[in-house]
Amino acid sequence: MGRLKQAQEETGKEVAEYRAQMELELQRKITQSCGDSGANVERLEQETVAKIYHFKMEAGKISFDVSQMLLKHITAVNV
């Protein structure tokens, strides 16, 4: 009986140690995935801002030409 109790206690200690180790591993993975997610969101926001700026610059370059073309077609008389 004494040996059985001792084996149960040892097993309980091993299970507790394993559980603690697995919980630490889980917390580490959660921390990594959250950090990666935050970095991805930040990167996507920066890319979006850069693309919006690029489109505004391109639109600004051709807006005069587009308005002149529209004005030409609106004021043209078709006979």
N, C-alpha and C. Protein backbone atom coordinates (compact mmCIF):
# COMPACT_ATOMS: atom_id res chain seq x y z
N MET A 1 0.82 -1.20 0.00
CA MET A 1 0.00 0.00 0.00
C MET A 1 0.87 1.26 0.00
N GLY A 2 1.94 1.21 0.78
CA GLY A 2 2.82 2.37 0.85
C GLY A 2 3.43 2.70 -0.50
N ARG A 3 3.85 1.68 -1.20
CA ARG A 3 4.45 1.89 -2.52
C ARG A 3 3.41 2.43 -3.50
N LEU A 4 2.16 1.98 -3.39
CA LEU A 4 1.10 2.46 -4.27
C LEU A 4 0.84 3.94 -4.04
N LYS A 5 0.80 4.35 -2.79
CA LYS A 5 0.61 5.78 -2.47
C LYS A 5 1.78 6.61 -3.00
N GLN A 6 2.99 6.09 -2.82
CA GLN A 6 4.17 6.79 -3.28
C GLN A 6 4.13 6.94 -4.80
N ALA A 7 3.72 5.90 -5.51
CA ALA A 7 3.63 5.95 -6.98
C ALA A 7 2.57 6.96 -7.41
N GLN A 8 1.45 7.01 -6.69
CA GLN A 8 0.39 7.96 -7.02
C GLN A 8 0.88 9.40 -6.80
N GLU A 9 1.60 9.63 -5.72
CA GLU A 9 2.13 10.96 -5.45
C GLU A 9 3.13 11.38 -6.52
N GLU A 10 4.02 10.47 -6.90
CA GLU A 10 4.99 10.77 -7.94
C GLU A 10 4.30 11.07 -9.27
N THR A 11 3.28 10.26 -9.58
CA THR A 11 2.53 10.48 -10.81
C THR A 11 1.82 11.83 -10.78
N GLY A 12 1.25 12.17 -9.62
CA GLY A 12 0.58 13.47 -9.47
C GLY A 12 1.54 14.62 -9.69
N LYS A 13 2.77 14.49 -9.16
CA LYS A 13 3.78 15.52 -9.35
C LYS A 13 4.17 15.64 -10.83
N GLU A 14 4.34 14.50 -11.48
CA GLU A 14 4.72 14.52 -12.90
C GLU A 14 3.61 15.15 -13.74
N VAL A 15 2.37 14.82 -13.42
CA VAL A 15 1.23 15.40 -14.16
C VAL A 15 1.19 16.91 -13.95
N ALA A 16 1.40 17.37 -12.72
CA ALA A 16 1.39 18.80 -12.42
C ALA A 16 2.51 19.52 -13.17
N GLU A 17 3.70 18.93 -13.20
CA GLU A 17 4.82 19.52 -13.92
C GLU A 17 4.54 19.59 -15.42
N TYR A 18 3.99 18.52 -15.96
CA TYR A 18 3.67 18.48 -17.39
C TYR A 18 2.61 19.51 -17.72
N ARG A 19 1.58 19.61 -16.88
CA ARG A 19 0.52 20.59 -17.10
C ARG A 19 1.08 22.01 -17.08
N ALA A 20 1.94 22.31 -16.11
CA ALA A 20 2.55 23.63 -16.02
C ALA A 20 3.38 23.93 -17.26
N GLN A 21 4.13 22.93 -17.72
CA GLN A 21 4.95 23.10 -18.92
C GLN A 21 4.07 23.37 -20.13
N MET A 22 2.99 22.64 -20.29
CA MET A 22 2.09 22.83 -21.42
C MET A 22 1.39 24.18 -21.36
N GLU A 23 1.02 24.63 -20.16
CA GLU A 23 0.40 25.94 -20.02
C GLU A 23 1.36 27.05 -20.41
N LEU A 24 2.62 26.92 -20.01
CA LEU A 24 3.63 27.90 -20.41
C LEU A 24 3.80 27.93 -21.93
N GLU A 25 3.82 26.76 -22.54
CA GLU A 25 3.95 26.67 -24.00
C GLU A 25 2.75 27.31 -24.69
N LEU A 26 1.56 27.05 -24.16
CA LEU A 26 0.35 27.66 -24.72
C LEU A 26 0.39 29.18 -24.61
N GLN A 27 0.78 29.70 -23.46
CA GLN A 27 0.88 31.14 -23.27
C GLN A 27 1.90 31.75 -24.22
N ARG A 28 3.00 31.05 -24.43
CA ARG A 28 4.03 31.55 -25.36
C ARG A 28 3.48 31.62 -26.77
N LYS A 29 2.75 30.58 -27.18
CA LYS A 29 2.18 30.58 -28.53
C LYS A 29 1.12 31.65 -28.70
N ILE A 30 0.31 31.86 -27.67
CA ILE A 30 -0.71 32.90 -27.73
C ILE A 30 -0.04 34.27 -27.86
N THR A 31 1.00 34.50 -27.08
CA THR A 31 1.72 35.76 -27.14
C THR A 31 2.33 35.98 -28.52
N GLN A 32 2.91 34.94 -29.10
CA GLN A 32 3.50 35.06 -30.43
C GLN A 32 2.46 35.35 -31.48
N SER A 33 1.34 34.65 -31.44
CA SER A 33 0.32 34.84 -32.46
C SER A 33 -0.33 36.21 -32.34
N CYS A 34 -0.52 36.71 -31.13
CA CYS A 34 -1.08 38.04 -30.95
C CYS A 34 -0.10 39.09 -31.44
N GLY A 35 1.16 38.89 -31.14
CA GLY A 35 2.17 39.84 -31.61
C GLY A 35 2.25 39.86 -33.12
N ASP A 36 2.19 38.70 -33.74
CA ASP A 36 2.23 38.63 -35.19
C ASP A 36 1.00 39.29 -35.79
N SER A 37 -0.14 39.08 -35.19
CA SER A 37 -1.37 39.67 -35.68
C SER A 37 -1.30 41.19 -35.63
N GLY A 38 -0.81 41.71 -34.53
CA GLY A 38 -0.67 43.16 -34.40
C GLY A 38 0.29 43.72 -35.42
N ALA A 39 1.37 43.02 -35.67
CA ALA A 39 2.34 43.46 -36.66
C ALA A 39 1.73 43.43 -38.05
N ASN A 40 0.94 42.41 -38.35
CA ASN A 40 0.30 42.33 -39.66
C ASN A 40 -0.70 43.46 -39.85
N VAL A 41 -1.46 43.77 -38.83
CA VAL A 41 -2.43 44.86 -38.92
C VAL A 41 -1.72 46.17 -39.18
N GLU A 42 -0.64 46.40 -38.45
CA GLU A 42 0.12 47.64 -38.62
C GLU A 42 0.72 47.72 -40.03
N ARG A 43 1.25 46.61 -40.52
CA ARG A 43 1.83 46.58 -41.87
C ARG A 43 0.76 46.85 -42.92
N LEU A 44 -0.41 46.25 -42.76
CA LEU A 44 -1.49 46.47 -43.72
C LEU A 44 -1.98 47.91 -43.69
N GLU A 45 -2.04 48.50 -42.51
CA GLU A 45 -2.44 49.91 -42.42
C GLU A 45 -1.44 50.80 -43.13
N GLN A 46 -0.16 50.54 -42.96
CA GLN A 46 0.86 51.33 -43.64
C GLN A 46 0.78 51.17 -45.15
N GLU A 47 0.56 49.94 -45.62
CA GLU A 47 0.43 49.70 -47.05
C GLU A 47 -0.80 50.41 -47.61
N THR A 48 -1.89 50.39 -46.86
CA THR A 48 -3.12 51.05 -47.31
C THR A 48 -2.91 52.55 -47.43
N VAL A 49 -2.29 53.15 -46.42
CA VAL A 49 -2.03 54.59 -46.46
C VAL A 49 -1.14 54.93 -47.66
N ALA A 50 -0.13 54.12 -47.91
CA ALA A 50 0.77 54.37 -49.04
C ALA A 50 0.02 54.26 -50.37
N LYS A 51 -0.86 53.28 -50.51
CA LYS A 51 -1.61 53.12 -51.76
C LYS A 51 -2.59 54.27 -51.96
N ILE A 52 -3.26 54.70 -50.90
CA ILE A 52 -4.18 55.83 -51.00
C ILE A 52 -3.42 57.08 -51.44
N TYR A 53 -2.27 57.31 -50.85
CA TYR A 53 -1.45 58.45 -51.23
C TYR A 53 -1.05 58.36 -52.70
N HIS A 54 -0.64 57.17 -53.13
CA HIS A 54 -0.24 56.96 -54.53
C HIS A 54 -1.41 57.26 -55.47
N PHE A 55 -2.60 56.75 -55.16
CA PHE A 55 -3.77 56.99 -56.01
C PHE A 55 -4.14 58.46 -56.06
N LYS A 56 -4.03 59.15 -54.93
CA LYS A 56 -4.33 60.59 -54.92
C LYS A 56 -3.34 61.35 -55.78
N MET A 57 -2.07 60.98 -55.72
CA MET A 57 -1.07 61.65 -56.53
C MET A 57 -1.32 61.41 -58.02
N GLU A 58 -1.64 60.16 -58.38
CA GLU A 58 -1.91 59.85 -59.78
C GLU A 58 -3.16 60.58 -60.26
N ALA A 59 -4.18 60.63 -59.42
CA ALA A 59 -5.42 61.33 -59.80
C ALA A 59 -5.14 62.81 -59.97
N GLY A 60 -4.31 63.36 -59.12
CA GLY A 60 -3.96 64.77 -59.22
C GLY A 60 -3.22 65.08 -60.51
N LYS A 61 -2.40 64.14 -60.98
CA LYS A 61 -1.64 64.35 -62.22
C LYS A 61 -2.54 64.40 -63.45
N ILE A 62 -3.59 63.60 -63.46
CA ILE A 62 -4.40 63.51 -64.67
C ILE A 62 -5.73 64.26 -64.57
N SER A 63 -6.03 64.84 -63.40
CA SER A 63 -7.33 65.50 -63.24
C SER A 63 -7.51 66.67 -64.21
N PHE A 64 -6.46 67.45 -64.47
CA PHE A 64 -6.58 68.57 -65.40
C PHE A 64 -6.88 68.05 -66.81
N ASP A 65 -6.17 67.01 -67.25
CA ASP A 65 -6.40 66.45 -68.58
C ASP A 65 -7.81 65.90 -68.71
N VAL A 66 -8.30 65.23 -67.68
CA VAL A 66 -9.65 64.67 -67.72
C VAL A 66 -10.68 65.79 -67.79
N SER A 67 -10.50 66.83 -66.99
CA SER A 67 -11.46 67.94 -67.03
C SER A 67 -11.43 68.64 -68.39
N GLN A 68 -10.26 68.78 -69.00
CA GLN A 68 -10.18 69.40 -70.32
C GLN A 68 -10.87 68.53 -71.37
N MET A 69 -10.68 67.23 -71.29
CA MET A 69 -11.32 66.31 -72.22
C MET A 69 -12.84 66.37 -72.08
N LEU A 70 -13.34 66.37 -70.85
CA LEU A 70 -14.78 66.46 -70.63
C LEU A 70 -15.33 67.79 -71.15
N LEU A 71 -14.64 68.87 -70.87
CA LEU A 71 -15.06 70.18 -71.34
C LEU A 71 -15.10 70.22 -72.86
N LYS A 72 -14.13 69.63 -73.51
CA LYS A 72 -14.08 69.59 -74.97
C LYS A 72 -15.27 68.83 -75.54
N HIS A 73 -15.59 67.68 -74.92
CA HIS A 73 -16.70 66.88 -75.43
C HIS A 73 -18.06 67.50 -75.11
N ILE A 74 -18.15 68.21 -74.03
CA ILE A 74 -19.42 68.84 -73.67
C ILE A 74 -19.70 70.03 -74.57
N THR A 75 -18.68 70.79 -74.89
CA THR A 75 -18.87 72.02 -75.69
C THR A 75 -18.78 71.76 -77.19
N ALA A 76 -18.46 70.53 -77.59
CA ALA A 76 -18.37 70.25 -79.03
C ALA A 76 -19.77 70.20 -79.62
N VAL A 77 -19.91 70.75 -80.81
CA VAL A 77 -21.20 70.76 -81.50
C VAL A 77 -21.15 69.71 -82.59
N ASN A 78 -22.09 68.78 -82.53
CA ASN A 78 -22.18 67.76 -83.56
C ASN A 78 -23.24 68.18 -84.57
N VAL A 79 -22.84 68.24 -85.81
CA VAL A 79 -23.76 68.65 -86.87
C VAL A 79 -24.13 67.51 -87.74
